[in-house]
Each structure stands twice: as C-alpha cells, then as structure tokens.
Amino acid sequence: MAHYTPVVETIIATHCHDVRQIEQTLDGLLDFCGYEQVLLLYRRLCRHYFDIDPAASKR
C-alpha cells in the first residue's frame, strides 16, 4: 500500500488522463484488494477513471 498511495494521489491530483498508467495502477492494486485501505484507493482511482472513460471503468 505504501507504494500505491502516492501513485494514486498523484494521478488524481494532477488530473492524469494517461489510461495506460491508470490501468496498470488498477491492475497492481487488485493484488492487494483484500486490504480495506487498498480497496479504498482502488475505488478512488476507479472514480477518477470513470470521468475519463466511463465505458472502460465499468468493464
């Protein structure tokens, strides 16, 4: 989680639209979604991604 928190925070704070980076981060977070704090990060990033590509974030 320590690795992903600053990554997610930066993506959101900079309004990053780099789909590849967002998807890679989401994929990495999936490995740790058994932890509530990571799940919260995942959800935050999904909400950010939804604003960029609603269809992709629903898959």
N, C-alpha and C. Protein backbone atom coordinates (compact mmCIF):
# COMPACT_ATOMS: atom_id res chain seq x y z
N MET A 1 0.82 -1.19 0.00
CA MET A 1 0.00 0.00 0.00
C MET A 1 0.87 1.26 0.00
N ALA A 2 1.96 1.21 0.70
CA ALA A 2 2.84 2.38 0.77
C ALA A 2 3.31 2.80 -0.62
N HIS A 3 3.47 1.83 -1.50
CA HIS A 3 3.91 2.12 -2.86
C HIS A 3 2.79 2.78 -3.67
N TYR A 4 1.57 2.31 -3.51
CA TYR A 4 0.48 2.77 -4.36
C TYR A 4 -0.18 4.06 -3.91
N THR A 5 -0.14 4.38 -2.63
CA THR A 5 -0.79 5.60 -2.15
C THR A 5 -0.29 6.85 -2.87
N PRO A 6 1.02 7.09 -2.94
CA PRO A 6 1.47 8.30 -3.64
C PRO A 6 1.19 8.25 -5.14
N VAL A 7 1.19 7.07 -5.72
CA VAL A 7 0.90 6.95 -7.15
C VAL A 7 -0.54 7.37 -7.42
N VAL A 8 -1.46 6.82 -6.64
CA VAL A 8 -2.88 7.15 -6.81
C VAL A 8 -3.11 8.63 -6.52
N GLU A 9 -2.53 9.14 -5.45
CA GLU A 9 -2.69 10.55 -5.09
C GLU A 9 -2.19 11.46 -6.21
N THR A 10 -1.07 11.12 -6.82
CA THR A 10 -0.51 11.93 -7.90
C THR A 10 -1.40 11.88 -9.13
N ILE A 11 -1.87 10.70 -9.49
CA ILE A 11 -2.76 10.56 -10.65
C ILE A 11 -3.98 11.45 -10.48
N ILE A 12 -4.58 11.41 -9.31
CA ILE A 12 -5.79 12.18 -9.05
C ILE A 12 -5.48 13.67 -8.96
N ALA A 13 -4.44 14.04 -8.23
CA ALA A 13 -4.11 15.46 -8.02
C ALA A 13 -3.73 16.17 -9.32
N THR A 14 -3.08 15.44 -10.22
CA THR A 14 -2.64 16.05 -11.48
C THR A 14 -3.67 15.88 -12.60
N HIS A 15 -4.81 15.29 -12.26
CA HIS A 15 -5.86 15.04 -13.25
C HIS A 15 -5.31 14.26 -14.44
N CYS A 16 -4.48 13.29 -14.13
CA CYS A 16 -3.83 12.47 -15.15
C CYS A 16 -4.87 11.74 -16.01
N HIS A 17 -4.67 11.80 -17.31
CA HIS A 17 -5.53 11.09 -18.26
C HIS A 17 -4.78 9.98 -18.98
N ASP A 18 -3.63 9.60 -18.46
CA ASP A 18 -2.83 8.53 -19.05
C ASP A 18 -3.49 7.19 -18.72
N VAL A 19 -4.29 6.71 -19.67
CA VAL A 19 -5.08 5.50 -19.46
C VAL A 19 -4.18 4.31 -19.14
N ARG A 20 -3.07 4.22 -19.80
CA ARG A 20 -2.16 3.09 -19.55
C ARG A 20 -1.67 3.10 -18.10
N GLN A 21 -1.25 4.25 -17.61
CA GLN A 21 -0.77 4.35 -16.23
C GLN A 21 -1.89 4.03 -15.24
N ILE A 22 -3.07 4.55 -15.50
CA ILE A 22 -4.20 4.30 -14.61
C ILE A 22 -4.54 2.81 -14.59
N GLU A 23 -4.61 2.19 -15.76
CA GLU A 23 -4.95 0.77 -15.82
C GLU A 23 -3.88 -0.10 -15.16
N GLN A 24 -2.62 0.24 -15.35
CA GLN A 24 -1.55 -0.52 -14.70
C GLN A 24 -1.62 -0.38 -13.18
N THR A 25 -1.95 0.79 -12.72
CA THR A 25 -2.08 1.01 -11.28
C THR A 25 -3.27 0.23 -10.73
N LEU A 26 -4.38 0.26 -11.44
CA LEU A 26 -5.55 -0.52 -11.01
C LEU A 26 -5.23 -2.01 -10.97
N ASP A 27 -4.53 -2.50 -11.98
CA ASP A 27 -4.14 -3.91 -12.01
C ASP A 27 -3.27 -4.26 -10.81
N GLY A 28 -2.33 -3.40 -10.49
CA GLY A 28 -1.46 -3.65 -9.35
C GLY A 28 -2.22 -3.63 -8.04
N LEU A 29 -3.17 -2.72 -7.92
CA LEU A 29 -3.97 -2.63 -6.70
C LEU A 29 -4.82 -3.88 -6.49
N LEU A 30 -5.24 -4.51 -7.57
CA LEU A 30 -6.07 -5.72 -7.45
C LEU A 30 -5.39 -6.80 -6.63
N ASP A 31 -4.08 -6.85 -6.69
CA ASP A 31 -3.34 -7.87 -5.93
C ASP A 31 -3.51 -7.70 -4.43
N PHE A 32 -3.90 -6.52 -4.00
CA PHE A 32 -3.97 -6.22 -2.56
C PHE A 32 -5.36 -5.79 -2.10
N CYS A 33 -6.39 -6.05 -2.92
CA CYS A 33 -7.73 -5.57 -2.59
C CYS A 33 -8.35 -6.29 -1.38
N GLY A 34 -7.66 -7.26 -0.82
CA GLY A 34 -8.14 -7.88 0.41
C GLY A 34 -7.94 -6.97 1.61
N TYR A 35 -7.21 -5.90 1.41
CA TYR A 35 -6.95 -4.93 2.48
C TYR A 35 -7.84 -3.71 2.26
N GLU A 36 -8.56 -3.34 3.29
CA GLU A 36 -9.54 -2.27 3.15
C GLU A 36 -8.94 -0.96 2.65
N GLN A 37 -7.77 -0.57 3.13
CA GLN A 37 -7.16 0.69 2.70
C GLN A 37 -6.83 0.66 1.21
N VAL A 38 -6.40 -0.49 0.72
CA VAL A 38 -6.09 -0.62 -0.71
C VAL A 38 -7.38 -0.58 -1.52
N LEU A 39 -8.41 -1.22 -1.02
CA LEU A 39 -9.70 -1.19 -1.69
C LEU A 39 -10.22 0.24 -1.81
N LEU A 40 -10.02 1.04 -0.79
CA LEU A 40 -10.42 2.45 -0.84
C LEU A 40 -9.63 3.21 -1.91
N LEU A 41 -8.33 2.94 -2.01
CA LEU A 41 -7.53 3.55 -3.09
C LEU A 41 -8.04 3.12 -4.45
N TYR A 42 -8.34 1.84 -4.59
CA TYR A 42 -8.84 1.29 -5.85
C TYR A 42 -10.14 2.01 -6.25
N ARG A 43 -11.03 2.16 -5.30
CA ARG A 43 -12.31 2.82 -5.58
C ARG A 43 -12.10 4.28 -5.98
N ARG A 44 -11.20 4.97 -5.28
CA ARG A 44 -10.92 6.37 -5.63
C ARG A 44 -10.39 6.49 -7.05
N LEU A 45 -9.49 5.59 -7.41
CA LEU A 45 -8.92 5.63 -8.75
C LEU A 45 -9.96 5.25 -9.80
N CYS A 46 -10.83 4.32 -9.47
CA CYS A 46 -11.92 3.96 -10.40
C CYS A 46 -12.83 5.16 -10.65
N ARG A 47 -13.14 5.90 -9.61
CA ARG A 47 -13.99 7.10 -9.79
C ARG A 47 -13.29 8.12 -10.69
N HIS A 48 -12.00 8.28 -10.51
CA HIS A 48 -11.23 9.19 -11.37
C HIS A 48 -11.26 8.68 -12.81
N TYR A 49 -11.05 7.39 -12.98
CA TYR A 49 -11.03 6.78 -14.32
C TYR A 49 -12.40 6.89 -14.98
N PHE A 50 -13.46 6.78 -14.21
CA PHE A 50 -14.81 6.87 -14.76
C PHE A 50 -15.02 8.21 -15.46
N ASP A 51 -14.48 9.28 -14.89
CA ASP A 51 -14.61 10.60 -15.52
C ASP A 51 -13.87 10.67 -16.86
N ILE A 52 -12.85 9.86 -17.02
CA ILE A 52 -12.06 9.85 -18.25
C ILE A 52 -12.68 8.94 -19.30
N ASP A 53 -13.06 7.74 -18.88
CA ASP A 53 -13.58 6.73 -19.81
C ASP A 53 -14.63 5.88 -19.10
N PRO A 54 -15.88 6.34 -19.08
CA PRO A 54 -16.93 5.62 -18.36
C PRO A 54 -17.10 4.16 -18.80
N ALA A 55 -16.97 3.91 -20.09
CA ALA A 55 -17.15 2.54 -20.59
C ALA A 55 -16.05 1.61 -20.08
N ALA A 56 -14.82 2.07 -20.08
CA ALA A 56 -13.70 1.23 -19.65
C ALA A 56 -13.75 0.96 -18.16
N SER A 57 -14.17 1.92 -17.38
CA SER A 57 -14.17 1.73 -15.93
C SER A 57 -15.28 0.80 -15.47
N LYS A 58 -16.22 0.48 -16.32
CA LYS A 58 -17.30 -0.45 -15.97
C LYS A 58 -16.94 -1.89 -16.30
N ARG A 59 -15.91 -2.10 -17.11
CA ARG A 59 -15.55 -3.47 -17.50
C ARG A 59 -15.00 -4.25 -16.37
